[in-house]
């Protein structure tokens, strides 16, 4: 690996890194999404260059929907949108980290039993003994 890629200031994302994983989609990179306040990992999604540029232009965390093959502004349907505060790139420039803040009360489009949006999408834990998921925020 080139020192420029790992240490340099030039922004040269490897948009083709996950092409085999995202077959049928335009060139994408994975995007980890982290809540600014709780530091919790909210979700992992994909972005192409168009989604990144849209996010930067609008200030809304926007991704590429690999199932619908279109831009996906997180929360546009549920109302749980994310304000984009920072975009970071990893050392190999083949993934991104969006640091966001929820514009409303919750983060996830799912809601708990009280009807409150969850503060993250990783609200279930795998029970090692049973192999079943346990809801941490029912």
N, C-alpha and C. Protein backbone atom coordinates (compact mmCIF):
# COMPACT_ATOMS: atom_id res chain seq x y z
N UNK A 1 0.84 -1.19 0.00
CA UNK A 1 0.00 0.00 0.00
C UNK A 1 0.88 1.25 0.00
N UNK A 2 0.39 2.20 -0.69
CA UNK A 2 1.12 3.44 -0.79
C UNK A 2 0.96 4.27 0.48
N UNK A 3 2.05 4.93 0.87
CA UNK A 3 1.99 5.79 2.05
C UNK A 3 1.02 6.95 1.80
N UNK A 4 0.93 7.42 0.58
CA UNK A 4 -0.01 8.50 0.24
C UNK A 4 -1.44 8.06 0.51
N UNK A 5 -1.78 6.84 0.13
CA UNK A 5 -3.13 6.33 0.36
C UNK A 5 -3.46 6.28 1.85
N UNK A 6 -2.51 5.81 2.64
CA UNK A 6 -2.75 5.63 4.07
C UNK A 6 -2.53 6.88 4.91
N UNK A 7 -1.65 7.76 4.46
CA UNK A 7 -1.28 8.92 5.28
C UNK A 7 -1.54 10.27 4.60
N UNK A 8 -1.77 10.24 3.29
CA UNK A 8 -1.88 11.48 2.53
C UNK A 8 -3.18 12.23 2.74
N UNK A 9 -3.26 13.37 2.10
CA UNK A 9 -4.45 14.21 2.22
C UNK A 9 -5.37 14.10 1.00
N UNK A 10 -4.95 13.42 -0.04
CA UNK A 10 -5.76 13.29 -1.25
C UNK A 10 -6.90 12.31 -1.01
N UNK A 11 -8.10 12.72 -1.38
CA UNK A 11 -9.31 11.92 -1.21
C UNK A 11 -9.50 11.04 -2.43
N UNK A 12 -9.14 9.76 -2.29
CA UNK A 12 -9.22 8.82 -3.42
C UNK A 12 -9.88 7.52 -2.99
N UNK A 13 -11.18 7.59 -2.69
CA UNK A 13 -11.90 6.40 -2.27
C UNK A 13 -11.82 5.30 -3.30
N UNK A 14 -11.74 4.09 -2.84
CA UNK A 14 -11.76 2.92 -3.71
C UNK A 14 -13.20 2.49 -3.91
N UNK A 15 -13.89 3.12 -4.86
CA UNK A 15 -15.30 2.86 -5.09
C UNK A 15 -15.58 1.45 -5.60
N UNK A 16 -14.59 0.75 -6.10
CA UNK A 16 -14.82 -0.59 -6.65
C UNK A 16 -14.54 -1.71 -5.66
N UNK A 17 -14.09 -1.39 -4.45
CA UNK A 17 -13.70 -2.40 -3.46
C UNK A 17 -14.79 -3.45 -3.23
N UNK A 18 -16.02 -3.02 -3.13
CA UNK A 18 -17.10 -3.95 -2.81
C UNK A 18 -17.98 -4.30 -4.01
N UNK A 19 -17.44 -4.10 -5.19
CA UNK A 19 -18.24 -4.35 -6.39
C UNK A 19 -18.77 -5.78 -6.44
N UNK A 20 -17.95 -6.72 -6.05
CA UNK A 20 -18.40 -8.12 -6.05
C UNK A 20 -19.48 -8.34 -4.99
N UNK A 21 -19.35 -7.68 -3.85
CA UNK A 21 -20.33 -7.81 -2.77
C UNK A 21 -21.65 -7.17 -3.20
N UNK A 22 -21.56 -6.03 -3.84
CA UNK A 22 -22.75 -5.28 -4.23
C UNK A 22 -23.07 -5.47 -5.71
N UNK A 23 -22.95 -6.71 -6.17
CA UNK A 23 -23.20 -7.00 -7.58
C UNK A 23 -24.56 -6.47 -8.00
N UNK A 24 -24.58 -5.84 -9.15
CA UNK A 24 -25.81 -5.27 -9.65
C UNK A 24 -26.01 -3.83 -9.22
N UNK A 25 -25.15 -3.31 -8.40
CA UNK A 25 -25.23 -1.93 -7.94
C UNK A 25 -24.07 -1.14 -8.52
N UNK A 26 -24.21 0.19 -8.54
CA UNK A 26 -23.06 1.00 -8.96
C UNK A 26 -21.93 0.85 -7.95
N UNK A 27 -20.82 1.38 -8.27
CA UNK A 27 -19.66 1.29 -7.38
C UNK A 27 -20.00 1.90 -6.02
N UNK A 28 -19.81 1.11 -4.97
CA UNK A 28 -20.19 1.53 -3.62
C UNK A 28 -19.07 1.23 -2.63
N UNK A 29 -19.15 1.92 -1.50
CA UNK A 29 -18.30 1.63 -0.35
C UNK A 29 -19.21 1.50 0.86
N UNK A 30 -18.80 0.71 1.86
CA UNK A 30 -19.60 0.64 3.08
C UNK A 30 -19.46 1.92 3.89
N UNK A 31 -20.55 2.25 4.59
CA UNK A 31 -20.57 3.43 5.44
C UNK A 31 -21.05 3.01 6.83
N UNK A 32 -20.17 3.14 7.81
CA UNK A 32 -20.58 2.95 9.20
C UNK A 32 -21.17 4.28 9.65
N UNK A 33 -22.27 4.21 10.41
CA UNK A 33 -22.94 5.43 10.85
C UNK A 33 -22.94 5.44 12.37
N UNK A 34 -22.39 6.50 12.94
CA UNK A 34 -22.23 6.60 14.39
C UNK A 34 -22.96 7.83 14.92
N UNK A 35 -23.67 7.66 16.04
CA UNK A 35 -24.34 8.78 16.69
C UNK A 35 -23.30 9.64 17.42
N UNK A 36 -23.31 10.92 17.15
CA UNK A 36 -22.36 11.86 17.76
C UNK A 36 -22.45 11.85 19.28
N UNK A 37 -23.66 11.84 19.81
CA UNK A 37 -23.83 12.01 21.25
C UNK A 37 -23.57 10.73 22.04
N UNK A 38 -24.12 9.61 21.60
CA UNK A 38 -23.96 8.36 22.35
C UNK A 38 -22.71 7.58 21.93
N UNK A 39 -22.16 7.91 20.77
CA UNK A 39 -21.03 7.19 20.17
C UNK A 39 -21.43 5.79 19.70
N UNK A 40 -22.72 5.47 19.74
CA UNK A 40 -23.20 4.16 19.34
C UNK A 40 -23.15 4.01 17.82
N UNK A 41 -22.79 2.81 17.37
CA UNK A 41 -22.87 2.48 15.95
C UNK A 41 -24.34 2.28 15.64
N UNK A 42 -24.86 3.06 14.71
CA UNK A 42 -26.28 3.02 14.39
C UNK A 42 -26.58 1.99 13.32
N UNK A 43 -25.84 2.04 12.23
CA UNK A 43 -26.08 1.12 11.13
C UNK A 43 -24.88 1.11 10.21
N UNK A 44 -24.89 0.16 9.30
CA UNK A 44 -23.91 0.09 8.23
C UNK A 44 -24.70 0.09 6.93
N UNK A 45 -24.34 0.99 6.04
CA UNK A 45 -25.04 1.11 4.77
C UNK A 45 -23.99 1.23 3.66
N UNK A 46 -24.43 1.60 2.49
CA UNK A 46 -23.52 1.77 1.36
C UNK A 46 -23.72 3.16 0.76
N UNK A 47 -22.66 3.70 0.22
CA UNK A 47 -22.76 4.97 -0.51
C UNK A 47 -21.99 4.85 -1.81
N UNK A 48 -22.52 5.47 -2.82
CA UNK A 48 -21.76 5.67 -4.03
C UNK A 48 -21.38 7.14 -4.07
N UNK A 49 -20.70 7.56 -5.11
CA UNK A 49 -20.24 8.94 -5.17
C UNK A 49 -21.41 9.92 -5.16
N UNK A 50 -22.51 9.56 -5.83
CA UNK A 50 -23.70 10.40 -5.87
C UNK A 50 -24.29 10.59 -4.47
N UNK A 51 -24.37 9.50 -3.69
CA UNK A 51 -24.92 9.57 -2.33
C UNK A 51 -24.04 10.44 -1.43
N UNK A 52 -22.73 10.30 -1.56
CA UNK A 52 -21.82 11.12 -0.76
C UNK A 52 -21.98 12.59 -1.11
N UNK A 53 -22.00 12.90 -2.40
CA UNK A 53 -22.14 14.30 -2.81
C UNK A 53 -23.48 14.87 -2.35
N UNK A 54 -24.54 14.08 -2.40
CA UNK A 54 -25.85 14.53 -1.94
C UNK A 54 -25.82 14.80 -0.44
N UNK A 55 -25.16 13.92 0.32
CA UNK A 55 -25.03 14.11 1.77
C UNK A 55 -24.30 15.41 2.08
N UNK A 56 -23.20 15.65 1.38
CA UNK A 56 -22.41 16.86 1.62
C UNK A 56 -23.17 18.12 1.24
N UNK A 57 -23.93 18.05 0.16
CA UNK A 57 -24.68 19.21 -0.31
C UNK A 57 -25.86 19.54 0.61
N UNK A 58 -26.57 18.51 1.09
CA UNK A 58 -27.80 18.73 1.85
C UNK A 58 -27.60 18.71 3.36
N UNK A 59 -26.51 18.10 3.83
CA UNK A 59 -26.32 17.93 5.27
C UNK A 59 -27.15 16.81 5.85
N UNK A 60 -27.77 16.00 5.00
CA UNK A 60 -28.56 14.84 5.41
C UNK A 60 -27.81 13.56 5.07
N UNK A 61 -27.72 12.64 6.02
CA UNK A 61 -27.06 11.36 5.75
C UNK A 61 -27.84 10.62 4.66
N UNK A 62 -27.19 10.43 3.54
CA UNK A 62 -27.81 9.81 2.37
C UNK A 62 -26.93 8.66 1.90
N UNK A 63 -27.57 7.57 1.47
CA UNK A 63 -26.88 6.35 1.09
C UNK A 63 -27.37 5.90 -0.28
N UNK A 64 -26.78 4.79 -0.74
CA UNK A 64 -27.26 4.15 -1.97
C UNK A 64 -27.99 2.88 -1.54
N UNK A 65 -29.26 2.80 -1.87
CA UNK A 65 -30.04 1.60 -1.56
C UNK A 65 -29.65 0.50 -2.53
N UNK A 66 -29.02 -0.54 -2.01
CA UNK A 66 -28.59 -1.64 -2.87
C UNK A 66 -29.76 -2.53 -3.28
N UNK A 67 -30.90 -2.40 -2.62
CA UNK A 67 -32.07 -3.18 -3.01
C UNK A 67 -32.96 -2.43 -4.01
N UNK A 68 -33.09 -1.11 -3.82
CA UNK A 68 -33.94 -0.32 -4.72
C UNK A 68 -33.15 0.37 -5.84
N UNK A 69 -31.83 0.33 -5.73
CA UNK A 69 -30.96 0.94 -6.73
C UNK A 69 -31.27 2.43 -6.92
N UNK A 70 -31.31 3.16 -5.78
CA UNK A 70 -31.59 4.58 -5.81
C UNK A 70 -31.03 5.24 -4.56
N UNK A 71 -30.95 6.57 -4.58
CA UNK A 71 -30.53 7.29 -3.38
C UNK A 71 -31.52 7.02 -2.25
N UNK A 72 -30.99 6.90 -1.05
CA UNK A 72 -31.79 6.62 0.12
C UNK A 72 -31.41 7.61 1.21
N UNK A 73 -32.28 8.58 1.43
CA UNK A 73 -32.05 9.51 2.52
C UNK A 73 -32.64 8.88 3.78
N UNK A 74 -31.76 8.48 4.68
CA UNK A 74 -32.19 7.77 5.88
C UNK A 74 -33.23 8.58 6.61
N UNK A 75 -34.38 7.95 6.88
CA UNK A 75 -35.44 8.57 7.65
C UNK A 75 -36.42 9.39 6.84
N UNK A 76 -36.26 9.47 5.53
CA UNK A 76 -37.17 10.28 4.73
C UNK A 76 -38.61 9.78 4.87
N UNK A 77 -38.81 8.49 5.00
CA UNK A 77 -40.15 7.93 5.15
C UNK A 77 -40.63 7.99 6.59
N UNK A 78 -39.77 7.59 7.53
CA UNK A 78 -40.17 7.52 8.95
C UNK A 78 -40.09 8.86 9.65
N UNK A 79 -39.35 9.80 9.08
CA UNK A 79 -39.16 11.09 9.74
C UNK A 79 -37.94 11.11 10.65
N UNK A 80 -37.27 9.99 10.81
CA UNK A 80 -36.09 9.90 11.68
C UNK A 80 -34.83 10.17 10.85
N UNK A 81 -34.67 11.41 10.42
CA UNK A 81 -33.53 11.76 9.57
C UNK A 81 -32.30 12.09 10.40
N UNK A 82 -31.16 12.03 9.76
CA UNK A 82 -29.88 12.28 10.42
C UNK A 82 -29.24 13.54 9.86
N UNK A 83 -28.80 14.40 10.75
CA UNK A 83 -27.97 15.53 10.36
C UNK A 83 -26.54 15.02 10.24
N UNK A 84 -25.93 15.24 9.10
CA UNK A 84 -24.56 14.81 8.88
C UNK A 84 -23.61 15.83 9.48
N UNK A 85 -22.82 15.40 10.46
CA UNK A 85 -21.89 16.30 11.16
C UNK A 85 -20.46 16.16 10.68
N UNK A 86 -20.08 14.95 10.27
CA UNK A 86 -18.69 14.71 9.87
C UNK A 86 -18.66 13.49 8.97
N UNK A 87 -17.72 13.47 8.05
CA UNK A 87 -17.46 12.30 7.21
C UNK A 87 -15.98 11.98 7.36
N UNK A 88 -15.71 10.74 7.74
CA UNK A 88 -14.32 10.29 7.87
C UNK A 88 -14.08 9.13 6.93
N UNK A 89 -12.84 9.00 6.52
CA UNK A 89 -12.46 7.93 5.60
C UNK A 89 -11.40 7.07 6.28
N UNK A 90 -11.45 5.75 6.04
CA UNK A 90 -10.46 4.87 6.66
C UNK A 90 -9.12 4.97 5.92
N UNK A 91 -8.10 4.33 6.49
CA UNK A 91 -6.73 4.46 5.96
C UNK A 91 -6.60 3.94 4.54
N UNK A 92 -7.37 2.95 4.15
CA UNK A 92 -7.29 2.40 2.79
C UNK A 92 -8.24 3.09 1.82
N UNK A 93 -9.01 4.05 2.30
CA UNK A 93 -9.97 4.79 1.51
C UNK A 93 -10.93 3.86 0.76
N UNK A 94 -11.46 2.87 1.52
CA UNK A 94 -12.46 1.98 0.92
C UNK A 94 -13.71 1.86 1.79
N UNK A 95 -13.82 2.72 2.80
CA UNK A 95 -15.05 2.82 3.59
C UNK A 95 -15.12 4.18 4.25
N UNK A 96 -16.34 4.54 4.66
CA UNK A 96 -16.57 5.83 5.29
C UNK A 96 -17.21 5.65 6.66
N UNK A 97 -17.08 6.68 7.48
CA UNK A 97 -17.78 6.78 8.75
C UNK A 97 -18.55 8.09 8.71
N UNK A 98 -19.88 8.00 8.80
CA UNK A 98 -20.71 9.20 8.94
C UNK A 98 -20.98 9.38 10.42
N UNK A 99 -20.70 10.55 10.94
CA UNK A 99 -21.06 10.90 12.31
C UNK A 99 -22.27 11.80 12.20
N UNK A 100 -23.33 11.38 12.88
CA UNK A 100 -24.63 12.02 12.69
C UNK A 100 -25.30 12.36 14.01
N UNK A 101 -26.36 13.14 13.91
CA UNK A 101 -27.22 13.40 15.05
C UNK A 101 -28.65 13.31 14.55
N UNK A 102 -29.48 12.62 15.32
CA UNK A 102 -30.89 12.51 14.97
C UNK A 102 -31.55 13.87 15.07
N UNK A 103 -32.39 14.17 14.12
CA UNK A 103 -33.11 15.45 14.14
C UNK A 103 -34.34 15.38 15.05
N UNK A 104 -34.79 14.18 15.34
CA UNK A 104 -35.92 14.01 16.26
C UNK A 104 -35.47 13.15 17.42
N UNK A 105 -36.40 12.45 18.01
CA UNK A 105 -36.12 11.73 19.26
C UNK A 105 -35.28 10.48 19.11
N UNK A 106 -35.38 9.79 18.01
CA UNK A 106 -34.71 8.51 17.89
C UNK A 106 -33.86 8.42 16.64
N UNK A 107 -33.28 7.25 16.49
CA UNK A 107 -32.38 7.01 15.37
C UNK A 107 -32.99 6.03 14.38
N UNK A 108 -33.46 4.92 14.90
CA UNK A 108 -33.91 3.81 14.06
C UNK A 108 -35.35 4.02 13.59
N UNK A 109 -35.66 3.47 12.43
CA UNK A 109 -37.03 3.55 11.93
C UNK A 109 -37.96 2.61 12.70
N UNK A 110 -37.39 1.66 13.45
CA UNK A 110 -38.21 0.77 14.28
C UNK A 110 -38.46 1.45 15.61
N UNK A 111 -39.52 1.04 16.24
CA UNK A 111 -39.89 1.64 17.52
C UNK A 111 -40.03 0.54 18.58
N UNK A 112 -39.82 0.91 19.83
CA UNK A 112 -39.98 -0.06 20.91
C UNK A 112 -41.46 -0.18 21.27
N UNK A 113 -41.75 -0.97 22.29
CA UNK A 113 -43.15 -1.23 22.66
C UNK A 113 -43.90 0.03 23.07
N UNK A 114 -43.18 1.06 23.48
CA UNK A 114 -43.80 2.33 23.87
C UNK A 114 -43.99 3.27 22.67
N UNK A 115 -43.63 2.79 21.48
CA UNK A 115 -43.78 3.61 20.28
C UNK A 115 -42.67 4.61 20.08
N UNK A 116 -41.59 4.46 20.82
CA UNK A 116 -40.46 5.39 20.73
C UNK A 116 -39.41 4.80 19.79
N UNK A 117 -38.95 5.60 18.82
CA UNK A 117 -37.88 5.12 17.95
C UNK A 117 -36.66 4.74 18.77
N UNK A 118 -36.05 3.62 18.44
CA UNK A 118 -34.86 3.18 19.15
C UNK A 118 -33.69 4.10 18.83
N UNK A 119 -32.71 4.13 19.74
CA UNK A 119 -31.55 5.00 19.56
C UNK A 119 -30.45 4.36 18.73
N UNK A 120 -30.71 3.22 18.17
CA UNK A 120 -29.75 2.56 17.29
C UNK A 120 -30.40 1.36 16.65
N UNK A 121 -29.83 0.90 15.57
CA UNK A 121 -30.39 -0.25 14.86
C UNK A 121 -29.84 -1.57 15.38
N UNK A 122 -28.86 -1.52 16.24
CA UNK A 122 -28.27 -2.74 16.82
C UNK A 122 -28.89 -2.99 18.19
N UNK A 123 -30.17 -3.22 18.20
CA UNK A 123 -30.91 -3.37 19.45
C UNK A 123 -31.20 -4.82 19.81
N UNK A 124 -30.68 -5.76 19.02
CA UNK A 124 -30.85 -7.18 19.33
C UNK A 124 -29.49 -7.83 19.51
N UNK A 125 -29.44 -8.74 20.46
CA UNK A 125 -28.20 -9.43 20.77
C UNK A 125 -28.38 -10.93 20.54
N UNK A 126 -27.36 -11.55 20.00
CA UNK A 126 -27.40 -12.99 19.75
C UNK A 126 -27.07 -13.74 21.02
N UNK A 127 -27.97 -14.59 21.44
CA UNK A 127 -27.73 -15.45 22.59
C UNK A 127 -26.88 -16.61 22.10
N UNK A 128 -25.67 -16.73 22.61
CA UNK A 128 -24.73 -17.75 22.14
C UNK A 128 -25.23 -19.16 22.39
N UNK A 129 -25.96 -19.37 23.47
CA UNK A 129 -26.42 -20.72 23.83
C UNK A 129 -27.61 -21.17 22.98
N UNK A 130 -28.56 -20.27 22.77
CA UNK A 130 -29.77 -20.65 22.04
C UNK A 130 -29.69 -20.33 20.55
N UNK A 131 -28.81 -19.43 20.17
CA UNK A 131 -28.72 -19.02 18.79
C UNK A 131 -29.84 -18.07 18.39
N UNK A 132 -30.59 -17.57 19.36
CA UNK A 132 -31.70 -16.67 19.10
C UNK A 132 -31.34 -15.24 19.46
N UNK A 133 -32.09 -14.31 18.88
CA UNK A 133 -31.87 -12.90 19.15
C UNK A 133 -32.67 -12.47 20.35
N UNK A 134 -32.05 -11.62 21.16
CA UNK A 134 -32.72 -11.07 22.34
C UNK A 134 -32.84 -9.56 22.14
N UNK A 135 -34.05 -9.06 22.26
CA UNK A 135 -34.30 -7.63 22.07
C UNK A 135 -33.87 -6.87 23.31
N UNK A 136 -32.95 -5.95 23.17
CA UNK A 136 -32.43 -5.18 24.28
C UNK A 136 -33.26 -3.94 24.55
N UNK A 137 -34.13 -3.59 23.62
CA UNK A 137 -34.99 -2.42 23.76
C UNK A 137 -36.38 -2.77 23.24
N UNK A 138 -37.05 -3.69 23.95
CA UNK A 138 -38.35 -4.18 23.46
C UNK A 138 -39.41 -3.09 23.41
